[in-house]
N, C-alpha and C. Protein backbone atom coordinates (compact mmCIF):
# COMPACT_ATOMS: atom_id res chain seq x y z
N UNK A 1 -44.30 -90.30 73.62
CA UNK A 1 -42.87 -90.24 72.90
C UNK A 1 -42.31 -91.61 72.85
N UNK A 2 -41.85 -91.86 71.80
CA UNK A 2 -41.19 -93.09 71.42
C UNK A 2 -39.75 -93.22 71.95
N UNK A 3 -39.42 -94.37 72.42
CA UNK A 3 -38.06 -94.68 73.05
C UNK A 3 -37.23 -95.13 71.68
N UNK A 4 -36.10 -94.25 71.53
CA UNK A 4 -35.07 -94.62 70.57
C UNK A 4 -33.99 -95.12 71.11
N UNK A 5 -33.40 -96.31 70.76
CA UNK A 5 -32.26 -96.86 71.28
C UNK A 5 -31.10 -96.81 70.13
N UNK A 6 -29.94 -96.69 70.54
CA UNK A 6 -28.97 -96.80 69.59
C UNK A 6 -27.85 -97.63 70.29
N UNK A 7 -26.92 -98.50 69.34
CA UNK A 7 -25.95 -99.24 69.94
C UNK A 7 -24.93 -98.40 70.76
N UNK A 8 -24.65 -97.13 70.42
CA UNK A 8 -23.84 -96.38 71.00
C UNK A 8 -24.24 -96.05 72.53
N UNK A 9 -25.61 -95.56 72.54
CA UNK A 9 -26.10 -95.41 73.78
C UNK A 9 -26.30 -96.59 74.74
N UNK A 10 -26.39 -97.82 74.20
CA UNK A 10 -26.42 -99.00 74.94
C UNK A 10 -25.03 -99.48 75.52
N UNK A 11 -24.16 -99.04 74.71
CA UNK A 11 -22.68 -99.40 75.00
C UNK A 11 -22.18 -98.46 76.14
N UNK A 12 -22.56 -97.19 76.20
CA UNK A 12 -21.94 -96.29 77.08
C UNK A 12 -21.92 -96.74 78.53
N UNK A 13 -23.02 -97.21 79.11
CA UNK A 13 -22.84 -97.63 80.52
C UNK A 13 -21.92 -98.69 80.82
N UNK A 14 -21.73 -99.53 79.85
CA UNK A 14 -20.66 -100.76 80.03
C UNK A 14 -19.30 -100.02 80.00
N UNK A 15 -19.12 -99.20 78.97
CA UNK A 15 -17.84 -98.54 78.83
C UNK A 15 -17.58 -97.70 80.27
N UNK A 16 -18.41 -97.03 80.61
CA UNK A 16 -18.29 -96.17 81.82
C UNK A 16 -17.86 -97.06 83.02
N UNK A 17 -18.53 -98.19 83.15
CA UNK A 17 -18.31 -99.13 84.31
C UNK A 17 -16.75 -99.63 84.02
N UNK A 18 -16.41 -99.95 82.97
CA UNK A 18 -15.02 -100.41 82.71
C UNK A 18 -13.93 -99.39 82.94
N UNK A 19 -14.31 -98.24 82.62
CA UNK A 19 -13.40 -97.11 82.88
C UNK A 19 -13.18 -96.80 84.48
N UNK A 20 -14.28 -96.87 85.11
CA UNK A 20 -14.30 -96.70 86.59
C UNK A 20 -13.54 -97.75 87.24
N UNK A 21 -13.56 -99.07 86.66
CA UNK A 21 -12.79 -100.21 87.36
C UNK A 21 -11.33 -100.19 86.85
N UNK A 22 -10.95 -99.34 86.01
CA UNK A 22 -9.52 -99.16 85.72
C UNK A 22 -9.03 -100.02 84.44
N UNK A 23 -10.03 -100.24 83.57
CA UNK A 23 -9.66 -100.98 82.29
C UNK A 23 -8.84 -100.12 81.42
N UNK A 24 -7.85 -100.74 80.77
CA UNK A 24 -7.08 -100.08 79.78
C UNK A 24 -7.76 -99.86 78.52
N UNK A 25 -7.26 -99.14 77.46
CA UNK A 25 -7.89 -99.01 76.11
C UNK A 25 -7.95 -100.28 75.38
N UNK A 26 -7.14 -101.23 75.54
CA UNK A 26 -7.25 -102.53 74.79
C UNK A 26 -8.33 -103.33 75.33
N UNK A 27 -8.44 -103.35 76.63
CA UNK A 27 -9.46 -104.09 77.25
C UNK A 27 -10.85 -103.48 76.87
N UNK A 28 -10.99 -102.17 76.85
CA UNK A 28 -12.16 -101.58 76.48
C UNK A 28 -12.64 -101.81 74.96
N UNK A 29 -11.52 -101.86 74.06
CA UNK A 29 -11.59 -102.11 72.63
C UNK A 29 -12.25 -103.44 72.54
N UNK A 30 -11.51 -104.50 73.06
CA UNK A 30 -12.06 -105.91 73.03
C UNK A 30 -13.59 -106.09 73.50
N UNK A 31 -13.87 -105.34 74.51
CA UNK A 31 -15.09 -105.39 75.06
C UNK A 31 -16.27 -104.88 74.27
N UNK A 32 -15.78 -103.74 73.54
CA UNK A 32 -16.68 -103.19 72.57
C UNK A 32 -16.87 -103.98 71.45
N UNK A 33 -15.92 -104.69 70.91
CA UNK A 33 -16.02 -105.60 69.78
C UNK A 33 -16.95 -106.77 70.26
N UNK A 34 -16.80 -107.22 71.38
CA UNK A 34 -17.59 -108.25 71.92
C UNK A 34 -19.18 -107.82 72.05
N UNK A 35 -19.25 -106.72 72.56
CA UNK A 35 -20.59 -106.07 72.73
C UNK A 35 -21.30 -105.89 71.20
N UNK A 36 -20.46 -105.30 70.38
CA UNK A 36 -20.94 -105.30 69.16
C UNK A 36 -21.45 -106.52 68.39
N UNK A 37 -20.64 -107.46 68.58
CA UNK A 37 -21.09 -108.85 67.94
C UNK A 37 -22.27 -109.46 68.61
N UNK A 38 -22.24 -109.42 69.88
CA UNK A 38 -23.48 -109.84 70.79
C UNK A 38 -24.71 -109.14 70.30
N UNK A 39 -24.70 -107.93 70.28
CA UNK A 39 -25.82 -107.07 70.01
C UNK A 39 -26.37 -107.35 68.59
N UNK A 40 -25.44 -107.40 67.72
CA UNK A 40 -25.92 -107.66 66.44
C UNK A 40 -26.49 -108.95 66.12
N UNK A 41 -26.08 -109.96 66.87
CA UNK A 41 -26.57 -111.25 66.72
C UNK A 41 -27.96 -111.27 67.39
N UNK A 42 -28.16 -110.60 68.57
CA UNK A 42 -29.47 -110.53 69.11
C UNK A 42 -30.54 -109.85 68.12
N UNK A 43 -30.09 -108.77 67.51
CA UNK A 43 -30.84 -107.97 66.69
C UNK A 43 -31.19 -108.79 65.38
N UNK A 44 -30.26 -109.69 64.88
CA UNK A 44 -30.55 -110.54 63.78
C UNK A 44 -31.59 -111.68 64.09
N UNK A 45 -31.37 -112.33 65.30
CA UNK A 45 -32.43 -113.17 65.88
C UNK A 45 -33.85 -112.57 65.83
N UNK A 46 -33.95 -111.50 66.54
CA UNK A 46 -35.20 -110.72 66.59
C UNK A 46 -35.79 -110.33 65.25
N UNK A 47 -34.93 -109.87 64.32
CA UNK A 47 -35.28 -109.63 63.05
C UNK A 47 -35.92 -110.83 62.32
N UNK A 48 -35.30 -112.01 62.47
CA UNK A 48 -35.66 -113.19 61.87
C UNK A 48 -37.04 -113.58 62.45
N UNK A 49 -37.11 -113.50 63.63
CA UNK A 49 -38.61 -113.81 64.36
C UNK A 49 -39.56 -112.95 63.73
N UNK A 50 -39.40 -111.70 63.66
CA UNK A 50 -40.40 -110.78 63.11
C UNK A 50 -40.73 -111.09 61.76
N UNK A 51 -39.68 -111.37 60.76
CA UNK A 51 -39.93 -111.58 59.42
C UNK A 51 -40.70 -112.90 59.29
N UNK A 52 -40.50 -113.85 60.08
CA UNK A 52 -41.21 -115.17 60.10
C UNK A 52 -42.54 -115.14 60.55
N UNK A 53 -42.91 -114.05 61.13
CA UNK A 53 -44.24 -113.93 61.67
C UNK A 53 -44.38 -114.32 63.08
N UNK A 54 -43.16 -114.53 63.69
CA UNK A 54 -43.25 -115.02 65.27
C UNK A 54 -43.44 -113.77 66.22
N UNK A 55 -44.59 -112.97 65.91
CA UNK A 55 -44.72 -111.70 66.74
C UNK A 55 -45.09 -112.10 68.06
N UNK A 56 -45.73 -113.22 68.44
CA UNK A 56 -46.01 -113.55 69.71
C UNK A 56 -44.71 -113.88 70.46
N UNK A 57 -43.95 -114.73 69.90
CA UNK A 57 -42.77 -115.10 70.55
C UNK A 57 -41.82 -113.96 70.66
N UNK A 58 -41.66 -113.01 69.67
CA UNK A 58 -40.99 -111.91 69.78
C UNK A 58 -41.26 -110.98 71.05
N UNK A 59 -42.72 -110.85 71.29
CA UNK A 59 -43.26 -109.91 72.23
C UNK A 59 -43.06 -110.60 73.57
N UNK A 60 -42.83 -111.92 73.67
CA UNK A 60 -42.49 -112.71 74.97
C UNK A 60 -41.08 -112.57 75.23
N UNK A 61 -40.11 -112.44 74.28
CA UNK A 61 -38.66 -112.67 74.45
C UNK A 61 -38.06 -111.83 75.58
N UNK A 62 -38.27 -110.48 75.50
CA UNK A 62 -37.71 -109.48 76.43
C UNK A 62 -38.21 -109.79 77.91
N UNK A 63 -39.54 -109.89 77.99
CA UNK A 63 -39.98 -110.01 79.44
C UNK A 63 -39.49 -111.51 79.97
N UNK A 64 -39.33 -112.40 79.15
CA UNK A 64 -38.81 -113.68 79.70
C UNK A 64 -37.41 -113.64 80.08
N UNK A 65 -36.61 -112.80 79.53
CA UNK A 65 -35.27 -112.66 79.87
C UNK A 65 -34.93 -111.55 80.71
N UNK A 66 -35.89 -110.79 81.20
CA UNK A 66 -35.67 -109.60 81.96
C UNK A 66 -34.94 -109.72 83.19
N UNK A 67 -35.15 -110.94 83.88
CA UNK A 67 -34.34 -111.17 85.19
C UNK A 67 -32.88 -111.37 84.71
N UNK A 68 -32.50 -111.96 83.74
CA UNK A 68 -31.10 -112.26 83.27
C UNK A 68 -30.48 -110.90 82.86
N UNK A 69 -31.32 -110.04 82.05
CA UNK A 69 -30.86 -108.93 81.53
C UNK A 69 -30.42 -107.92 82.88
N UNK A 70 -31.34 -107.92 83.81
CA UNK A 70 -31.11 -107.21 85.05
C UNK A 70 -29.88 -107.52 85.79
N UNK A 71 -29.80 -108.95 85.87
CA UNK A 71 -28.49 -109.42 86.59
C UNK A 71 -27.21 -109.21 85.88
N UNK A 72 -27.21 -109.15 84.50
CA UNK A 72 -26.06 -108.74 83.72
C UNK A 72 -25.78 -107.28 83.99
N UNK A 73 -26.63 -106.52 84.02
CA UNK A 73 -26.49 -105.08 84.24
C UNK A 73 -25.82 -104.76 85.66
N UNK A 74 -26.24 -105.57 86.67
CA UNK A 74 -25.66 -105.35 87.94
C UNK A 74 -24.40 -105.97 88.30
N UNK A 75 -23.87 -106.78 87.41
CA UNK A 75 -22.50 -107.42 87.59
C UNK A 75 -21.36 -106.42 87.48
N UNK A 76 -20.38 -106.68 88.16
CA UNK A 76 -19.14 -106.03 88.22
C UNK A 76 -18.26 -106.79 87.27
N UNK A 77 -17.48 -106.09 86.24
CA UNK A 77 -16.75 -106.63 85.48
C UNK A 77 -15.39 -107.13 86.29
N UNK A 78 -14.76 -108.29 85.95
CA UNK A 78 -13.63 -108.64 86.64
C UNK A 78 -12.34 -107.90 86.28
N UNK A 79 -11.47 -107.61 87.15
CA UNK A 79 -10.36 -106.80 86.79
C UNK A 79 -9.29 -107.70 86.27
N UNK A 80 -8.64 -107.45 85.13
CA UNK A 80 -7.57 -108.21 84.76
C UNK A 80 -6.25 -107.44 85.00
N UNK A 81 -5.24 -108.21 85.54
CA UNK A 81 -4.01 -107.55 85.72
C UNK A 81 -2.98 -108.00 84.81
């Protein structure tokens, strides 16, 4: 079975963490905008690599940054007062 990712499903864990930490609606909205911008930028770069035939580099990108991706997932968002 193929894995299907959607931006909404990727955003939900971040949103849930913010809600648990007591973020208000404005903070969540700003974080959502930042998440959307960042994820679109990453997808555009990966698409560009694919179109330019950089499939070897494309296939190496995610494993190369796996440690950083994991550490970002584990971080606690700072509380703003």
